[in-house]
Every structure is written in C-alpha cells, then in structure tokens.
Amino acid sequence: MTNTINETFLGRLGKDPEFAYAQTKTKEKPIPVCNLSVAINHKQGEQESTEWVKVKVWEKQAELCKAQLKKGNQIFVNGNREYKQFTNKEGKQVSYSEVNANLIGFSNI
C-alpha cells in the first residue's frame, strides 16, 4: 500500500549523499539516483524534536547533489512523500516513508 503527500521543507544532511545508478525497464541507460538523509528540526513550545527523512533525488539533480553536497549542508526539498508498508521475512508489518524530490535547493556559501 502506498500513500503520497506533497511536501516542502528545509533541513540539514545527516551524512554525505549516497550516489548510485538505477536500472529501468524502459530506458537503455541507467538513471542517476542520490539518496539523502535529511534532519528536520521541530519546535513546539519548549519541546524540540528532530525528524529524519529519506529523500531520493533523480537524474541531473542527483548528479548535482553528488558533486555539491556533504554532511551538514542545509537543503530545501520539494517532493512527494510516500508512506509504504510491506511484510518482512519474519511476517511483521514494516512501515516507512521516503520523499521523491521534484526540486532540491542548496547554497554552498
């Protein structure tokens, strides 16, 4: 089961980007993909919390992320968050979410 929600947020990279090439059935060439781990800080009154978000960036933007980003950089993300569930080998339901980025913004200043 997959649910999708469009989101826009600002956060910091928790580790260096992970770059790879994904194979597809429809294209001859593999597609560049970059996986990011982004920390978003939330504050409600006196209480602070950090949410970690998995972000996938595709094609040219993935190549730019590989070349320009590193742990600690602040980035802007706009994309579709997908909530997914599956049953693991032990028969337990596992839930997770990830954002497929439409747009990534960053500054190396």
C-alpha atoms as a PDB file:
ATOM      1  CA  MET A   1       0.000   0.000   0.000  1.00  0.00           C
ATOM      2  CA  THR A   2       1.331   3.458  -0.925  1.00  0.00           C
ATOM      3  CA  ASN A   3       0.013   6.894   0.062  1.00  0.00           C
ATOM      4  CA  THR A   4       1.544  10.090  -1.350  1.00  0.00           C
ATOM      5  CA  ILE A   5       1.633  13.620   0.117  1.00  0.00           C
ATOM      6  CA  ASN A   6       3.335  16.673  -1.456  1.00  0.00           C
ATOM      7  CA  GLU A   7       5.736  18.362   0.992  1.00  0.00           C
ATOM      8  CA  THR A   8       8.183  21.245   1.123  1.00  0.00           C
ATOM      9  CA  PHE A   9      10.766  21.501   3.908  1.00  0.00           C
ATOM     10  CA  LEU A  10      14.185  22.795   4.941  1.00  0.00           C
ATOM     11  CA  GLY A  11      16.712  20.580   6.706  1.00  0.00           C
ATOM     12  CA  ARG A  12      20.343  19.538   7.065  1.00  0.00           C
ATOM     13  CA  LEU A  13      22.112  16.481   5.680  1.00  0.00           C
ATOM     14  CA  GLY A  14      22.921  13.946   8.385  1.00  0.00           C
ATOM     15  CA  LYS A  15      25.514  12.201   6.224  1.00  0.00           C
ATOM     16  CA  ASP A  16      27.160  12.522   2.828  1.00  0.00           C
ATOM     17  CA  PRO A  17      24.902  11.761  -0.176  1.00  0.00           C
ATOM     18  CA  GLU A  18      24.820   8.156  -1.421  1.00  0.00           C
ATOM     19  CA  PHE A  19      25.031   8.114  -5.228  1.00  0.00           C
ATOM     20  CA  ALA A  20      24.201   5.169  -7.498  1.00  0.00           C
ATOM     21  CA  TYR A  21      22.704   4.271 -10.865  1.00  0.00           C
ATOM     22  CA  ALA A  22      19.263   2.633 -11.081  1.00  0.00           C
ATOM     23  CA  GLN A  23      18.340   0.245 -13.878  1.00  0.00           C
ATOM     24  CA  THR A  24      14.943   0.659 -15.530  1.00  0.00           C
ATOM     25  CA  LYS A  25      12.929  -1.448 -17.918  1.00  0.00           C
ATOM     26  CA  THR A  26      12.048   1.454 -20.239  1.00  0.00           C
ATOM     27  CA  LYS A  27      15.408   3.219 -20.661  1.00  0.00           C
ATOM     28  CA  GLU A  28      18.620   1.763 -22.048  1.00  0.00           C
ATOM     29  CA  LYS A  29      20.914   3.830 -19.840  1.00  0.00           C
ATOM     30  CA  PRO A  30      20.858   3.582 -16.031  1.00  0.00           C
ATOM     31  CA  ILE A  31      19.356   6.601 -14.223  1.00  0.00           C
ATOM     32  CA  PRO A  32      21.449   8.517 -11.656  1.00  0.00           C
ATOM     33  CA  VAL A  33      19.901   8.498  -8.171  1.00  0.00           C
ATOM     34  CA  CYS A  34      21.115  10.103  -4.968  1.00  0.00           C
ATOM     35  CA  ASN A  35      19.848   9.101  -1.506  1.00  0.00           C
ATOM     36  CA  LEU A  36      19.883  11.794   1.170  1.00  0.00           C
ATOM     37  CA  SER A  37      19.260  11.586   4.908  1.00  0.00           C
ATOM     38  CA  VAL A  38      17.782  14.938   5.985  1.00  0.00           C
ATOM     39  CA  ALA A  39      17.238  16.137   9.563  1.00  0.00           C
ATOM     40  CA  ILE A  40      14.283  18.477  10.123  1.00  0.00           C
ATOM     41  CA  ASN A  41      14.128  20.247  13.495  1.00  0.00           C
ATOM     42  CA  HIS A  42      10.683  20.858  15.008  1.00  0.00           C
ATOM     43  CA  LYS A  43       9.883  23.056  17.994  1.00  0.00           C
ATOM     44  CA  GLN A  44       6.568  23.223  19.852  1.00  0.00           C
ATOM     45  CA  GLY A  45       6.725  25.492  22.865  1.00  0.00           C
ATOM     46  CA  GLU A  46       9.642  24.292  24.974  1.00  0.00           C
ATOM     47  CA  GLN A  47       9.834  20.875  23.310  1.00  0.00           C
ATOM     48  CA  GLU A  48      12.249  20.237  20.428  1.00  0.00           C
ATOM     49  CA  SER A  49      12.487  17.161  18.229  1.00  0.00           C
ATOM     50  CA  THR A  50      14.303  16.028  15.094  1.00  0.00           C
ATOM     51  CA  GLU A  51      12.635  14.112  12.264  1.00  0.00           C
ATOM     52  CA  TRP A  52      14.872  12.143   9.888  1.00  0.00           C
ATOM     53  CA  VAL A  53      13.600  11.967   6.312  1.00  0.00           C
ATOM     54  CA  LYS A  54      14.853   9.721   3.499  1.00  0.00           C
ATOM     55  CA  VAL A  55      14.988  11.691   0.232  1.00  0.00           C
ATOM     56  CA  LYS A  56      15.569  10.295  -3.283  1.00  0.00           C
ATOM     57  CA  VAL A  57      16.829  12.672  -5.972  1.00  0.00           C
ATOM     58  CA  TRP A  58      16.881  11.621  -9.632  1.00  0.00           C
ATOM     59  CA  GLU A  59      18.787  12.320 -12.867  1.00  0.00           C
ATOM     60  CA  LYS A  60      20.634  15.680 -13.268  1.00  0.00           C
ATOM     61  CA  GLN A  61      19.682  16.896  -9.783  1.00  0.00           C
ATOM     62  CA  ALA A  62      21.180  13.654  -8.362  1.00  0.00           C
ATOM     63  CA  GLU A  63      24.475  14.371 -10.125  1.00  0.00           C
ATOM     64  CA  LEU A  64      24.485  17.937  -8.742  1.00  0.00           C
ATOM     65  CA  CYS A  65      23.832  16.651  -5.209  1.00  0.00           C
ATOM     66  CA  LYS A  66      26.740  14.210  -5.549  1.00  0.00           C
ATOM     67  CA  ALA A  67      29.078  16.981  -6.683  1.00  0.00           C
ATOM     68  CA  GLN A  68      27.959  19.798  -4.361  1.00  0.00           C
ATOM     69  CA  LEU A  69      26.554  18.396  -1.109  1.00  0.00           C
ATOM     70  CA  LYS A  70      28.138  16.949   2.020  1.00  0.00           C
ATOM     71  CA  LYS A  71      27.145  16.187   5.596  1.00  0.00           C
ATOM     72  CA  GLY A  72      25.855  19.274   7.424  1.00  0.00           C
ATOM     73  CA  ASN A  73      24.730  21.229   4.332  1.00  0.00           C
ATOM     74  CA  GLN A  74      21.333  22.897   4.580  1.00  0.00           C
ATOM     75  CA  ILE A  75      18.922  21.992   1.768  1.00  0.00           C
ATOM     76  CA  PHE A  76      15.418  22.847   0.588  1.00  0.00           C
ATOM     77  CA  VAL A  77      13.296  19.929  -0.624  1.00  0.00           C
ATOM     78  CA  ASN A  78      10.010  19.850  -2.522  1.00  0.00           C
ATOM     79  CA  GLY A  79       8.633  16.441  -3.367  1.00  0.00           C
ATOM     80  CA  ASN A  80       6.149  13.668  -2.797  1.00  0.00           C
ATOM     81  CA  ARG A  81       6.378  11.773   0.481  1.00  0.00           C
ATOM     82  CA  GLU A  82       5.324   8.184   0.050  1.00  0.00           C
ATOM     83  CA  TYR A  83       4.240   6.065   3.009  1.00  0.00           C
ATOM     84  CA  LYS A  84       4.872   2.389   2.318  1.00  0.00           C
ATOM     85  CA  GLN A  85       4.215  -0.891   4.084  1.00  0.00           C
ATOM     86  CA  PHE A  86       5.451  -4.403   3.488  1.00  0.00           C
ATOM     87  CA  THR A  87       5.698  -7.718   5.305  1.00  0.00           C
ATOM     88  CA  ASN A  88       9.260  -8.743   6.192  1.00  0.00           C
ATOM     89  CA  LYS A  89      10.695 -12.280   6.306  1.00  0.00           C
ATOM     90  CA  GLU A  90       9.549 -12.709   9.911  1.00  0.00           C
ATOM     91  CA  GLY A  91       5.948 -11.905   8.900  1.00  0.00           C
ATOM     92  CA  LYS A  92       5.866  -8.486  10.602  1.00  0.00           C
ATOM     93  CA  GLN A  93       4.361  -5.378   9.001  1.00  0.00           C
ATOM     94  CA  VAL A  94       7.049  -2.742   8.389  1.00  0.00           C
ATOM     95  CA  SER A  95       6.181   0.907   7.617  1.00  0.00           C
ATOM     96  CA  TYR A  96       8.465   3.622   6.305  1.00  0.00           C
ATOM     97  CA  SER A  97       8.355   6.819   4.290  1.00  0.00           C
ATOM     98  CA  GLU A  98      10.584   8.491   1.735  1.00  0.00           C
ATOM     99  CA  VAL A  99      10.381  11.653  -0.338  1.00  0.00           C
ATOM    100  CA  ASN A 100      10.887  11.541  -4.118  1.00  0.00           C
ATOM    101  CA  ALA A 101      12.256  15.024  -4.730  1.00  0.00           C
ATOM    102  CA  ASN A 102      10.883  17.212  -7.503  1.00  0.00           C
ATOM    103  CA  LEU A 103      13.165  20.101  -6.580  1.00  0.00           C
ATOM    104  CA  ILE A 104      16.279  20.433  -4.414  1.00  0.00           C
ATOM    105  CA  GLY A 105      17.752  23.790  -3.463  1.00  0.00           C
ATOM    106  CA  PHE A 106      21.054  24.462  -1.715  1.00  0.00           C
ATOM    107  CA  SER A 107      23.756  27.054  -1.275  1.00  0.00           C
ATOM    108  CA  ASN A 108      27.451  26.389  -0.835  1.00  0.00           C
ATOM    109  CA  ILE A 109      28.142  29.828   0.605  1.00  0.00           C
END
